[in-house]
Amino acid sequence: MIKKLLKRQHPMLLLRISCVLTLVALGLMVWSMLDPTPLPVMIAMSVAQGLGTIAFGLFGYVIVQDIRRQRRERRVSQQIPVFDEKAES
C-alpha cells in the first residue's frame, strides 16, 4: 500500500513533504530546549523523532529512486543497437 502511494507521487512533492516534516520536527525539538518541562521533552522525544524519521525516509526514497532512474537511462543510452543482416538485404 505504501509503495503504491509513493509511486504515484511526484518526487518534488515528496521532497517538499519531507522538508515540512523536518521543519516541524525541528520546531518541536527547539521548543523542548527552550521550555525543558516534561511535556515538551516527551513530545520532542517521540513525535518529533517520528516525524524526523519519516522525513528522512522520504528523502532517502526519492534519492534512491533518482539514482536508479539515472542508472537505467545511462544503461539504455549505452546499449549498441543490433542490426539484422537479413533485413538489410
C-alpha atoms as a PDB file:
ATOM      1  CA  MET A   1       0.000   0.000   0.000  1.00  0.00           C
ATOM      2  CA  ILE A   2       2.789   2.426   0.889  1.00  0.00           C
ATOM      3  CA  LYS A   3       4.749   1.558  -2.273  1.00  0.00           C
ATOM      4  CA  LYS A   4       1.682   2.205  -4.408  1.00  0.00           C
ATOM      5  CA  LEU A   5       1.144   5.577  -2.714  1.00  0.00           C
ATOM      6  CA  LEU A   6       4.790   6.585  -3.115  1.00  0.00           C
ATOM      7  CA  LYS A   7       4.964   5.560  -6.781  1.00  0.00           C
ATOM      8  CA  ARG A   8       2.060   7.859  -7.668  1.00  0.00           C
ATOM      9  CA  GLN A   9       3.612  10.918  -6.029  1.00  0.00           C
ATOM     10  CA  HIS A  10       5.923  13.277  -7.869  1.00  0.00           C
ATOM     11  CA  PRO A  11       9.455  13.326  -6.378  1.00  0.00           C
ATOM     12  CA  MET A  12       9.364  17.100  -5.809  1.00  0.00           C
ATOM     13  CA  LEU A  13       6.153  16.742  -3.800  1.00  0.00           C
ATOM     14  CA  LEU A  14       7.758  14.038  -1.655  1.00  0.00           C
ATOM     15  CA  LEU A  15      10.790  16.273  -1.081  1.00  0.00           C
ATOM     16  CA  ARG A  16       8.562  19.169  -0.062  1.00  0.00           C
ATOM     17  CA  ILE A  17       6.663  16.942   2.365  1.00  0.00           C
ATOM     18  CA  SER A  18       9.997  15.776   3.757  1.00  0.00           C
ATOM     19  CA  CYS A  19      11.141  19.384   4.242  1.00  0.00           C
ATOM     20  CA  VAL A  20       7.928  20.369   6.015  1.00  0.00           C
ATOM     21  CA  LEU A  21       8.100  17.345   8.316  1.00  0.00           C
ATOM     22  CA  THR A  22      11.728  18.155   9.102  1.00  0.00           C
ATOM     23  CA  LEU A  23      10.912  21.766   9.961  1.00  0.00           C
ATOM     24  CA  VAL A  24       8.012  20.719  12.198  1.00  0.00           C
ATOM     25  CA  ALA A  25      10.238  18.191  13.963  1.00  0.00           C
ATOM     26  CA  LEU A  26      12.979  20.785  14.442  1.00  0.00           C
ATOM     27  CA  GLY A  27      10.433  23.243  15.814  1.00  0.00           C
ATOM     28  CA  LEU A  28       9.259  20.696  18.362  1.00  0.00           C
ATOM     29  CA  MET A  29      12.837  19.944  19.378  1.00  0.00           C
ATOM     30  CA  VAL A  30      13.668  23.630  19.785  1.00  0.00           C
ATOM     31  CA  TRP A  31      10.526  24.052  21.882  1.00  0.00           C
ATOM     32  CA  SER A  32      11.730  21.297  24.192  1.00  0.00           C
ATOM     33  CA  MET A  33      15.093  23.053  24.533  1.00  0.00           C
ATOM     34  CA  LEU A  34      13.540  26.438  25.316  1.00  0.00           C
ATOM     35  CA  ASP A  35      10.905  25.052  27.700  1.00  0.00           C
ATOM     36  CA  PRO A  36      12.519  22.000  29.331  1.00  0.00           C
ATOM     37  CA  THR A  37       9.424  20.787  31.161  1.00  0.00           C
ATOM     38  CA  PRO A  38       8.316  17.153  30.857  1.00  0.00           C
ATOM     39  CA  LEU A  39       5.608  17.637  28.197  1.00  0.00           C
ATOM     40  CA  PRO A  40       7.738  19.379  25.513  1.00  0.00           C
ATOM     41  CA  VAL A  41      10.624  16.986  26.148  1.00  0.00           C
ATOM     42  CA  MET A  42       8.366  13.940  25.784  1.00  0.00           C
ATOM     43  CA  ILE A  43       6.814  15.352  22.608  1.00  0.00           C
ATOM     44  CA  ALA A  44      10.258  16.058  21.165  1.00  0.00           C
ATOM     45  CA  MET A  45      11.491  12.582  22.040  1.00  0.00           C
ATOM     46  CA  SER A  46       8.509  10.813  20.488  1.00  0.00           C
ATOM     47  CA  VAL A  47       6.558  12.892  17.956  1.00  0.00           C
ATOM     48  CA  ALA A  48       9.478  14.964  16.666  1.00  0.00           C
ATOM     49  CA  GLN A  49      11.717  11.936  16.357  1.00  0.00           C
ATOM     50  CA  GLY A  50       8.987  10.068  14.463  1.00  0.00           C
ATOM     51  CA  LEU A  51       8.416  12.990  12.101  1.00  0.00           C
ATOM     52  CA  GLY A  52      12.151  13.343  11.522  1.00  0.00           C
ATOM     53  CA  THR A  53      12.481   9.637  10.772  1.00  0.00           C
ATOM     54  CA  ILE A  54       9.592   9.737   8.287  1.00  0.00           C
ATOM     55  CA  ALA A  55      11.107  12.816   6.629  1.00  0.00           C
ATOM     56  CA  PHE A  56      14.486  11.133   6.332  1.00  0.00           C
ATOM     57  CA  GLY A  57      12.859   8.013   4.901  1.00  0.00           C
ATOM     58  CA  LEU A  58      11.024  10.039   2.250  1.00  0.00           C
ATOM     59  CA  PHE A  59      14.222  11.871   1.352  1.00  0.00           C
ATOM     60  CA  GLY A  60      16.162   8.617   1.081  1.00  0.00           C
ATOM     61  CA  TYR A  61      13.423   7.047  -1.035  1.00  0.00           C
ATOM     62  CA  VAL A  62      13.474   9.944  -3.524  1.00  0.00           C
ATOM     63  CA  ILE A  63      17.280   9.887  -3.745  1.00  0.00           C
ATOM     64  CA  VAL A  64      17.440   6.125  -4.317  1.00  0.00           C
ATOM     65  CA  GLN A  65      14.725   6.314  -6.988  1.00  0.00           C
ATOM     66  CA  ASP A  66      16.580   9.139  -8.739  1.00  0.00           C
ATOM     67  CA  ILE A  67      19.865   7.198  -8.726  1.00  0.00           C
ATOM     68  CA  ARG A  68      18.088   4.113 -10.101  1.00  0.00           C
ATOM     69  CA  ARG A  69      16.444   6.204 -12.845  1.00  0.00           C
ATOM     70  CA  GLN A  70      19.790   7.752 -13.843  1.00  0.00           C
ATOM     71  CA  ARG A  71      21.499   4.353 -13.999  1.00  0.00           C
ATOM     72  CA  ARG A  72      18.657   2.925 -16.067  1.00  0.00           C
ATOM     73  CA  GLU A  73      18.823   5.844 -18.514  1.00  0.00           C
ATOM     74  CA  ARG A  74      22.609   5.553 -18.788  1.00  0.00           C
ATOM     75  CA  ARG A  75      22.371   1.795 -19.405  1.00  0.00           C
ATOM     76  CA  VAL A  76      19.764   2.280 -22.146  1.00  0.00           C
ATOM     77  CA  SER A  77      21.743   5.073 -23.828  1.00  0.00           C
ATOM     78  CA  GLN A  78      24.944   2.967 -23.889  1.00  0.00           C
ATOM     79  CA  GLN A  79      23.343  -0.074 -25.493  1.00  0.00           C
ATOM     80  CA  ILE A  80      24.534  -0.735 -29.024  1.00  0.00           C
ATOM     81  CA  PRO A  81      21.669  -1.314 -31.441  1.00  0.00           C
ATOM     82  CA  VAL A  82      21.751  -4.735 -33.092  1.00  0.00           C
ATOM     83  CA  PHE A  83      21.014  -4.782 -36.840  1.00  0.00           C
ATOM     84  CA  ASP A  84      19.623  -7.794 -38.572  1.00  0.00           C
ATOM     85  CA  GLU A  85      21.684  -8.600 -41.693  1.00  0.00           C
ATOM     86  CA  LYS A  86      18.721 -10.268 -43.424  1.00  0.00           C
ATOM     87  CA  ALA A  87      16.625  -7.130 -43.081  1.00  0.00           C
ATOM     88  CA  GLU A  88      19.295  -5.007 -44.790  1.00  0.00           C
ATOM     89  CA  SER A  89      19.400  -7.098 -47.975  1.00  0.00           C
END
